[in-house]
Amino acid sequence: MPIFDFLRPKKNTAQTAKNRLQIIIAQERSSAGAPDYLPLLRREILEVIRKYVAVDAEAVKVDVVKDGEHDVLDISVALPDARPGA
């Protein structure tokens, strides 16, 4: 009823749109994941490791993890078991 419209809080569509846009931007940033240099860094680390140990391409994982105000580079390498007889 129009008589009771004054009791309803007014919708601020501009603020709602701004909030939604901020959520979308935050999701895009997080889904984009890591900086552009990570694939190159992963490839270079894999090349160096392969000079000494035969590892699979999926053996090297490189991620950026948020730790408070800092970004932490997390590198994980799955090395194969020791050679038989060594």
PDB file of N, CA and C in Angstrom:
ATOM      1  N   MET A   1       0.826  -1.181   0.000  1.00  0.00           N
ATOM      2  CA  MET A   1       0.000   0.000   0.000  1.00  0.00           C
ATOM      3  C   MET A   1       0.870   1.243   0.000  1.00  0.00           C
ATOM      4  N   PRO A   2       0.519   2.219  -0.822  1.00  0.00           N
ATOM      5  CA  PRO A   2       1.322   3.441  -0.882  1.00  0.00           C
ATOM      6  C   PRO A   2       1.304   4.233   0.419  1.00  0.00           C
ATOM      7  N   ILE A   3       0.280   4.088   1.222  1.00  0.00           N
ATOM      8  CA  ILE A   3       0.195   4.861   2.458  1.00  0.00           C
ATOM      9  C   ILE A   3       1.307   4.476   3.431  1.00  0.00           C
ATOM     10  N   PHE A   4       1.728   3.199   3.421  1.00  0.00           N
ATOM     11  CA  PHE A   4       2.750   2.736   4.354  1.00  0.00           C
ATOM     12  C   PHE A   4       4.144   2.684   3.737  1.00  0.00           C
ATOM     13  N   ASP A   5       4.336   3.247   2.565  1.00  0.00           N
ATOM     14  CA  ASP A   5       5.656   3.260   1.922  1.00  0.00           C
ATOM     15  C   ASP A   5       6.700   3.983   2.758  1.00  0.00           C
ATOM     16  N   PHE A   6       6.277   4.968   3.533  1.00  0.00           N
ATOM     17  CA  PHE A   6       7.236   5.723   4.331  1.00  0.00           C
ATOM     18  C   PHE A   6       7.862   4.882   5.438  1.00  0.00           C
ATOM     19  N   LEU A   7       7.241   3.765   5.781  1.00  0.00           N
ATOM     20  CA  LEU A   7       7.778   2.888   6.817  1.00  0.00           C
ATOM     21  C   LEU A   7       8.890   1.975   6.304  1.00  0.00           C
ATOM     22  N   ARG A   8       8.892   1.739   5.022  1.00  0.00           N
ATOM     23  CA  ARG A   8       9.925   0.871   4.438  1.00  0.00           C
ATOM     24  C   ARG A   8      11.222   1.667   4.267  1.00  0.00           C
ATOM     25  N   PRO A   9      12.342   1.017   4.541  1.00  0.00           N
ATOM     26  CA  PRO A   9      13.605   1.723   4.285  1.00  0.00           C
ATOM     27  C   PRO A   9      13.785   1.914   2.781  1.00  0.00           C
ATOM     28  N   LYS A  10      14.312   3.047   2.430  1.00  0.00           N
ATOM     29  CA  LYS A  10      14.528   3.340   1.009  1.00  0.00           C
ATOM     30  C   LYS A  10      15.709   2.519   0.515  1.00  0.00           C
ATOM     31  N   LYS A  11      15.537   1.983  -0.665  1.00  0.00           N
ATOM     32  CA  LYS A  11      16.614   1.202  -1.272  1.00  0.00           C
ATOM     33  C   LYS A  11      17.604   2.153  -1.920  1.00  0.00           C
ATOM     34  N   ASN A  12      18.864   1.938  -1.595  1.00  0.00           N
ATOM     35  CA  ASN A  12      19.924   2.722  -2.206  1.00  0.00           C
ATOM     36  C   ASN A  12      20.549   1.847  -3.292  1.00  0.00           C
ATOM     37  N   THR A  13      20.021   1.938  -4.490  1.00  0.00           N
ATOM     38  CA  THR A  13      20.473   1.050  -5.556  1.00  0.00           C
ATOM     39  C   THR A  13      21.910   1.321  -5.957  1.00  0.00           C
ATOM     40  N   ALA A  14      22.350   2.554  -5.846  1.00  0.00           N
ATOM     41  CA  ALA A  14      23.742   2.865  -6.189  1.00  0.00           C
ATOM     42  C   ALA A  14      24.692   2.161  -5.220  1.00  0.00           C
ATOM     43  N   GLN A  15      24.374   2.204  -3.939  1.00  0.00           N
ATOM     44  CA  GLN A  15      25.230   1.542  -2.947  1.00  0.00           C
ATOM     45  C   GLN A  15      25.194   0.027  -3.122  1.00  0.00           C
ATOM     46  N   THR A  16      24.026  -0.514  -3.428  1.00  0.00           N
ATOM     47  CA  THR A  16      23.895  -1.952  -3.662  1.00  0.00           C
ATOM     48  C   THR A  16      24.733  -2.369  -4.862  1.00  0.00           C
ATOM     49  N   ALA A  17      24.672  -1.590  -5.938  1.00  0.00           N
ATOM     50  CA  ALA A  17      25.467  -1.893  -7.130  1.00  0.00           C
ATOM     51  C   ALA A  17      26.955  -1.798  -6.829  1.00  0.00           C
ATOM     52  N   LYS A  18      27.350  -0.807  -6.053  1.00  0.00           N
ATOM     53  CA  LYS A  18      28.760  -0.645  -5.686  1.00  0.00           C
ATOM     54  C   LYS A  18      29.244  -1.847  -4.875  1.00  0.00           C
ATOM     55  N   ASN A  19      28.431  -2.287  -3.911  1.00  0.00           N
ATOM     56  CA  ASN A  19      28.803  -3.451  -3.095  1.00  0.00           C
ATOM     57  C   ASN A  19      28.932  -4.702  -3.948  1.00  0.00           C
ATOM     58  N   ARG A  20      28.000  -4.882  -4.867  1.00  0.00           N
ATOM     59  CA  ARG A  20      28.064  -6.057  -5.740  1.00  0.00           C
ATOM     60  C   ARG A  20      29.298  -6.010  -6.625  1.00  0.00           C
ATOM     61  N   LEU A  21      29.616  -4.832  -7.135  1.00  0.00           N
ATOM     62  CA  LEU A  21      30.802  -4.686  -7.981  1.00  0.00           C
ATOM     63  C   LEU A  21      32.071  -4.987  -7.196  1.00  0.00           C
ATOM     64  N   GLN A  22      32.134  -4.549  -5.945  1.00  0.00           N
ATOM     65  CA  GLN A  22      33.305  -4.837  -5.120  1.00  0.00           C
ATOM     66  C   GLN A  22      33.458  -6.338  -4.890  1.00  0.00           C
ATOM     67  N   ILE A  23      32.354  -7.023  -4.702  1.00  0.00           N
ATOM     68  CA  ILE A  23      32.399  -8.481  -4.520  1.00  0.00           C
ATOM     69  C   ILE A  23      32.883  -9.156  -5.793  1.00  0.00           C
ATOM     70  N   ILE A  24      32.380  -8.713  -6.938  1.00  0.00           N
ATOM     71  CA  ILE A  24      32.789  -9.303  -8.218  1.00  0.00           C
ATOM     72  C   ILE A  24      34.270  -9.070  -8.460  1.00  0.00           C
ATOM     73  N   ILE A  25      34.744  -7.862  -8.188  1.00  0.00           N
ATOM     74  CA  ILE A  25      36.164  -7.552  -8.392  1.00  0.00           C
ATOM     75  C   ILE A  25      37.030  -8.398  -7.466  1.00  0.00           C
ATOM     76  N   ALA A  26      36.628  -8.552  -6.220  1.00  0.00           N
ATOM     77  CA  ALA A  26      37.391  -9.371  -5.275  1.00  0.00           C
ATOM     78  C   ALA A  26      37.439 -10.824  -5.737  1.00  0.00           C
ATOM     79  N   GLN A  27      36.329 -11.347  -6.256  1.00  0.00           N
ATOM     80  CA  GLN A  27      36.310 -12.714  -6.753  1.00  0.00           C
ATOM     81  C   GLN A  27      37.186 -12.863  -7.982  1.00  0.00           C
ATOM     82  N   GLU A  28      37.163 -11.877  -8.874  1.00  0.00           N
ATOM     83  CA  GLU A  28      38.007 -11.929 -10.066  1.00  0.00           C
ATOM     84  C   GLU A  28      39.479 -11.941  -9.684  1.00  0.00           C
ATOM     85  N   ARG A  29      39.836 -11.108  -8.728  1.00  0.00           N
ATOM     86  CA  ARG A  29      41.236 -11.061  -8.288  1.00  0.00           C
ATOM     87  C   ARG A  29      41.663 -12.382  -7.678  1.00  0.00           C
ATOM     88  N   SER A  30      40.800 -12.971  -6.881  1.00  0.00           N
ATOM     89  CA  SER A  30      41.171 -14.238  -6.244  1.00  0.00           C
ATOM     90  C   SER A  30      41.128 -15.389  -7.231  1.00  0.00           C
ATOM     91  N   SER A  31      40.186 -15.362  -8.178  1.00  0.00           N
ATOM     92  CA  SER A  31      40.124 -16.451  -9.148  1.00  0.00           C
ATOM     93  C   SER A  31      41.216 -16.322 -10.189  1.00  0.00           C
ATOM     94  N   ALA A  32      41.617 -15.096 -10.459  1.00  0.00           N
ATOM     95  CA  ALA A  32      42.741 -14.920 -11.360  1.00  0.00           C
ATOM     96  C   ALA A  32      43.960 -15.558 -10.727  1.00  0.00           C
ATOM     97  N   GLY A  33      43.871 -15.683  -9.417  1.00  0.00           N
ATOM     98  CA  GLY A  33      44.887 -16.413  -8.687  1.00  0.00           C
ATOM     99  C   GLY A  33      46.130 -15.615  -8.481  1.00  0.00           C
ATOM    100  N   ALA A  34      47.151 -16.036  -9.102  1.00  0.00           N
ATOM    101  CA  ALA A  34      48.457 -15.530  -8.806  1.00  0.00           C
ATOM    102  C   ALA A  34      48.922 -14.532  -9.847  1.00  0.00           C
ATOM    103  N   PRO A  35      50.001 -13.863  -9.537  1.00  0.00           N
ATOM    104  CA  PRO A  35      50.582 -12.935 -10.501  1.00  0.00           C
ATOM    105  C   PRO A  35      51.013 -13.644 -11.780  1.00  0.00           C
ATOM    106  N   ASP A  36      51.244 -12.864 -12.827  1.00  0.00           N
ATOM    107  CA  ASP A  36      51.561 -13.403 -14.147  1.00  0.00           C
ATOM    108  C   ASP A  36      52.894 -14.150 -14.200  1.00  0.00           C
ATOM    109  N   TYR A  37      53.795 -13.860 -13.298  1.00  0.00           N
ATOM    110  CA  TYR A  37      55.116 -14.486 -13.361  1.00  0.00           C
ATOM    111  C   TYR A  37      55.141 -15.902 -12.802  1.00  0.00           C
ATOM    112  N   LEU A  38      54.094 -16.347 -12.146  1.00  0.00           N
ATOM    113  CA  LEU A  38      54.128 -17.674 -11.522  1.00  0.00           C
ATOM    114  C   LEU A  38      54.299 -18.830 -12.501  1.00  0.00           C
ATOM    115  N   PRO A  39      53.625 -18.853 -13.648  1.00  0.00           N
ATOM    116  CA  PRO A  39      53.876 -19.971 -14.578  1.00  0.00           C
ATOM    117  C   PRO A  39      55.331 -20.026 -15.045  1.00  0.00           C
ATOM    118  N   LEU A  40      55.917 -18.872 -15.319  1.00  0.00           N
ATOM    119  CA  LEU A  40      57.323 -18.823 -15.728  1.00  0.00           C
ATOM    120  C   LEU A  40      58.224 -19.279 -14.588  1.00  0.00           C
ATOM    121  N   LEU A  41      57.934 -18.816 -13.381  1.00  0.00           N
ATOM    122  CA  LEU A  41      58.725 -19.213 -12.217  1.00  0.00           C
ATOM    123  C   LEU A  41      58.645 -20.716 -12.000  1.00  0.00           C
ATOM    124  N   ARG A  42      57.456 -21.289 -12.143  1.00  0.00           N
ATOM    125  CA  ARG A  42      57.264 -22.725 -11.985  1.00  0.00           C
ATOM    126  C   ARG A  42      58.073 -23.500 -13.017  1.00  0.00           C
ATOM    127  N   ARG A  43      58.042 -23.038 -14.262  1.00  0.00           N
ATOM    128  CA  ARG A  43      58.810 -23.700 -15.334  1.00  0.00           C
ATOM    129  C   ARG A  43      60.300 -23.655 -15.053  1.00  0.00           C
ATOM    130  N   GLU A  44      60.788 -22.489 -14.619  1.00  0.00           N
ATOM    131  CA  GLU A  44      62.225 -22.346 -14.354  1.00  0.00           C
ATOM    132  C   GLU A  44      62.659 -23.209 -13.165  1.00  0.00           C
ATOM    133  N   ILE A  45      61.847 -23.269 -12.131  1.00  0.00           N
ATOM    134  CA  ILE A  45      62.169 -24.124 -10.979  1.00  0.00           C
ATOM    135  C   ILE A  45      62.206 -25.585 -11.413  1.00  0.00           C
ATOM    136  N   LEU A  46      61.238 -25.984 -12.227  1.00  0.00           N
ATOM    137  CA  LEU A  46      61.195 -27.353 -12.726  1.00  0.00           C
ATOM    138  C   LEU A  46      62.446 -27.674 -13.546  1.00  0.00           C
ATOM    139  N   GLU A  47      62.900 -26.749 -14.394  1.00  0.00           N
ATOM    140  CA  GLU A  47      64.109 -26.969 -15.196  1.00  0.00           C
ATOM    141  C   GLU A  47      65.338 -27.160 -14.315  1.00  0.00           C
ATOM    142  N   VAL A  48      65.455 -26.344 -13.272  1.00  0.00           N
ATOM    143  CA  VAL A  48      66.613 -26.461 -12.382  1.00  0.00           C
ATOM    144  C   VAL A  48      66.576 -27.791 -11.631  1.00  0.00           C
ATOM    145  N   ILE A  49      65.414 -28.181 -11.130  1.00  0.00           N
ATOM    146  CA  ILE A  49      65.303 -29.443 -10.400  1.00  0.00           C
ATOM    147  C   ILE A  49      65.612 -30.620 -11.315  1.00  0.00           C
ATOM    148  N   ARG A  50      65.167 -30.542 -12.565  1.00  0.00           N
ATOM    149  CA  ARG A  50      65.397 -31.643 -13.517  1.00  0.00           C
ATOM    150  C   ARG A  50      66.871 -31.820 -13.864  1.00  0.00           C
ATOM    151  N   LYS A  51      67.709 -30.822 -13.607  1.00  0.00           N
ATOM    152  CA  LYS A  51      69.149 -30.979 -13.817  1.00  0.00           C
ATOM    153  C   LYS A  51      69.721 -32.011 -12.851  1.00  0.00           C
ATOM    154  N   TYR A  52      69.067 -32.170 -11.702  1.00  0.00           N
ATOM    155  CA  TYR A  52      69.590 -33.038 -10.656  1.00  0.00           C
ATOM    156  C   TYR A  52      68.727 -34.265 -10.381  1.00  0.00           C
ATOM    157  N   VAL A  53      67.406 -34.134 -10.576  1.00  0.00           N
ATOM    158  CA  VAL A  53      66.481 -35.212 -10.251  1.00  0.00           C
ATOM    159  C   VAL A  53      65.420 -35.289 -11.340  1.00  0.00           C
ATOM    160  N   ALA A  54      65.070 -36.504 -11.729  1.00  0.00           N
ATOM    161  CA  ALA A  54      64.006 -36.676 -12.719  1.00  0.00           C
ATOM    162  C   ALA A  54      62.658 -36.549 -12.006  1.00  0.00           C
ATOM    163  N   VAL A  55      61.948 -35.452 -12.290  1.00  0.00           N
ATOM    164  CA  VAL A  55      60.633 -35.231 -11.680  1.00  0.00           C
ATOM    165  C   VAL A  55      59.610 -34.946 -12.766  1.00  0.00           C
ATOM    166  N   ASP A  56      58.375 -35.221 -12.439  1.00  0.00           N
ATOM    167  CA  ASP A  56      57.262 -34.973 -13.341  1.00  0.00           C
ATOM    168  C   ASP A  56      56.908 -33.483 -13.313  1.00  0.00           C
ATOM    169  N   ALA A  57      56.266 -32.987 -14.365  1.00  0.00           N
ATOM    170  CA  ALA A  57      55.888 -31.573 -14.446  1.00  0.00           C
ATOM    171  C   ALA A  57      54.917 -31.186 -13.330  1.00  0.00           C
ATOM    172  N   GLU A  58      54.075 -32.132 -12.894  1.00  0.00           N
ATOM    173  CA  GLU A  58      53.127 -31.837 -11.825  1.00  0.00           C
ATOM    174  C   GLU A  58      53.764 -31.901 -10.441  1.00  0.00           C
ATOM    175  N   ALA A  59      55.054 -32.205 -10.382  1.00  0.00           N
ATOM    176  CA  ALA A  59      55.735 -32.333  -9.094  1.00  0.00           C
ATOM    177  C   ALA A  59      55.992 -30.979  -8.444  1.00  0.00           C
ATOM    178  N   VAL A  60      55.952 -29.916  -9.224  1.00  0.00           N
ATOM    179  CA  VAL A  60      56.233 -28.582  -8.698  1.00  0.00           C
ATOM    180  C   VAL A  60      54.944 -27.780  -8.647  1.00  0.00           C
ATOM    181  N   LYS A  61      54.603 -27.300  -7.462  1.00  0.00           N
ATOM    182  CA  LYS A  61      53.433 -26.439  -7.254  1.00  0.00           C
ATOM    183  C   LYS A  61      53.920 -25.103  -6.715  1.00  0.00           C
ATOM    184  N   VAL A  62      53.510 -24.019  -7.356  1.00  0.00           N
ATOM    185  CA  VAL A  62      53.873 -22.678  -6.916  1.00  0.00           C
ATOM    186  C   VAL A  62      52.583 -21.882  -6.730  1.00  0.00           C
ATOM    187  N   ASP A  63      52.395 -21.337  -5.526  1.00  0.00           N
ATOM    188  CA  ASP A  63      51.206 -20.560  -5.212  1.00  0.00           C
ATOM    189  C   ASP A  63      51.592 -19.327  -4.417  1.00  0.00           C
ATOM    190  N   VAL A  64      50.715 -18.335  -4.461  1.00  0.00           N
ATOM    191  CA  VAL A  64      50.866 -17.169  -3.605  1.00  0.00           C
ATOM    192  C   VAL A  64      49.768 -17.246  -2.556  1.00  0.00           C
ATOM    193  N   VAL A  65      50.173 -17.184  -1.288  1.00  0.00           N
ATOM    194  CA  VAL A  65      49.241 -17.298  -0.176  1.00  0.00           C
ATOM    195  C   VAL A  65      49.242 -15.974   0.581  1.00  0.00           C
ATOM    196  N   LYS A  66      48.073 -15.489   0.930  1.00  0.00           N
ATOM    197  CA  LYS A  66      47.950 -14.247   1.683  1.00  0.00           C
ATOM    198  C   LYS A  66      48.157 -14.554   3.155  1.00  0.00           C
ATOM    199  N   ASP A  67      49.109 -13.862   3.785  1.00  0.00           N
ATOM    200  CA  ASP A  67      49.384 -14.039   5.210  1.00  0.00           C
ATOM    201  C   ASP A  67      49.313 -12.664   5.868  1.00  0.00           C
ATOM    202  N   GLY A  68      48.108 -12.298   6.289  1.00  0.00           N
ATOM    203  CA  GLY A  68      47.924 -10.959   6.846  1.00  0.00           C
ATOM    204  C   GLY A  68      48.073  -9.921   5.756  1.00  0.00           C
ATOM    205  N   GLU A  69      49.027  -9.029   5.931  1.00  0.00           N
ATOM    206  CA  GLU A  69      49.264  -7.984   4.941  1.00  0.00           C
ATOM    207  C   GLU A  69      50.256  -8.417   3.865  1.00  0.00           C
ATOM    208  N   HIS A  70      50.845  -9.604   4.027  1.00  0.00           N
ATOM    209  CA  HIS A  70      51.912 -10.037   3.139  1.00  0.00           C
ATOM    210  C   HIS A  70      51.459 -11.165   2.228  1.00  0.00           C
ATOM    211  N   ASP A  71      52.047 -11.205   1.047  1.00  0.00           N
ATOM    212  CA  ASP A  71      51.868 -12.340   0.151  1.00  0.00           C
ATOM    213  C   ASP A  71      53.071 -13.255   0.332  1.00  0.00           C
ATOM    214  N   VAL A  72      52.809 -14.543   0.495  1.00  0.00           N
ATOM    215  CA  VAL A  72      53.872 -15.522   0.714  1.00  0.00           C
ATOM    216  C   VAL A  72      53.924 -16.454  -0.483  1.00  0.00           C
ATOM    217  N   LEU A  73      55.113 -16.640  -1.019  1.00  0.00           N
ATOM    218  CA  LEU A  73      55.310 -17.551  -2.132  1.00  0.00           C
ATOM    219  C   LEU A  73      55.471 -18.956  -1.565  1.00  0.00           C
ATOM    220  N   ASP A  74      54.546 -19.842  -1.915  1.00  0.00           N
ATOM    221  CA  ASP A  74      54.549 -21.216  -1.413  1.00  0.00           C
ATOM    222  C   ASP A  74      54.974 -22.134  -2.549  1.00  0.00           C
ATOM    223  N   ILE A  75      56.140 -22.771  -2.389  1.00  0.00           N
ATOM    224  CA  ILE A  75      56.664 -23.676  -3.409  1.00  0.00           C
ATOM    225  C   ILE A  75      56.730 -25.077  -2.818  1.00  0.00           C
ATOM    226  N   SER A  76      56.109 -26.016  -3.502  1.00  0.00           N
ATOM    227  CA  SER A  76      56.096 -27.398  -3.044  1.00  0.00           C
ATOM    228  C   SER A  76      56.625 -28.279  -4.166  1.00  0.00           C
ATOM    229  N   VAL A  77      57.602 -29.119  -3.842  1.00  0.00           N
ATOM    230  CA  VAL A  77      58.196 -30.016  -4.827  1.00  0.00           C
ATOM    231  C   VAL A  77      58.092 -31.441  -4.299  1.00  0.00           C
ATOM    232  N   ALA A  78      57.439 -32.293  -5.066  1.00  0.00           N
ATOM    233  CA  ALA A  78      57.328 -33.708  -4.707  1.00  0.00           C
ATOM    234  C   ALA A  78      58.488 -34.451  -5.369  1.00  0.00           C
ATOM    235  N   LEU A  79      59.471 -34.809  -4.569  1.00  0.00           N
ATOM    236  CA  LEU A  79      60.629 -35.517  -5.097  1.00  0.00           C
ATOM    237  C   LEU A  79      60.351 -37.025  -5.100  1.00  0.00           C
ATOM    238  N   PRO A  80      60.906 -37.727  -6.082  1.00  0.00           N
ATOM    239  CA  PRO A  80      60.704 -39.176  -6.121  1.00  0.00           C
ATOM    240  C   PRO A  80      61.460 -39.858  -4.988  1.00  0.00           C
ATOM    241  N   ASP A  81      61.094 -41.103  -4.721  1.00  0.00           N
ATOM    242  CA  ASP A  81      61.789 -41.879  -3.693  1.00  0.00           C
ATOM    243  C   ASP A  81      63.251 -42.053  -4.094  1.00  0.00           C
ATOM    244  N   ALA A  82      64.069 -42.396  -3.114  1.00  0.00           N
ATOM    245  CA  ALA A  82      65.495 -42.613  -3.372  1.00  0.00           C
ATOM    246  C   ALA A  82      65.660 -43.754  -4.373  1.00  0.00           C
ATOM    247  N   ARG A  83      66.734 -43.667  -5.156  1.00  0.00           N
ATOM    248  CA  ARG A  83      67.014 -44.720  -6.156  1.00  0.00           C
ATOM    249  C   ARG A  83      67.311 -46.037  -5.468  1.00  0.00           C
ATOM    250  N   PRO A  84      66.837 -47.127  -6.051  1.00  0.00           N
ATOM    251  CA  PRO A  84      67.130 -48.438  -5.461  1.00  0.00           C
ATOM    252  C   PRO A  84      68.649 -48.705  -5.506  1.00  0.00           C
ATOM    253  N   GLY A  85      69.160 -49.183  -4.416  1.00  0.00           N
ATOM    254  CA  GLY A  85      70.576 -49.531  -4.361  1.00  0.00           C
ATOM    255  C   GLY A  85      71.464 -48.346  -4.037  1.00  0.00           C
ATOM    256  N   ALA A  86      70.885 -47.181  -3.791  1.00  0.00           N
ATOM    257  CA  ALA A  86      71.712 -46.016  -3.510  1.00  0.00           C
ATOM    258  C   ALA A  86      71.825 -45.771  -2.036  1.00  0.00           C
TER     259      ALA A  86
END
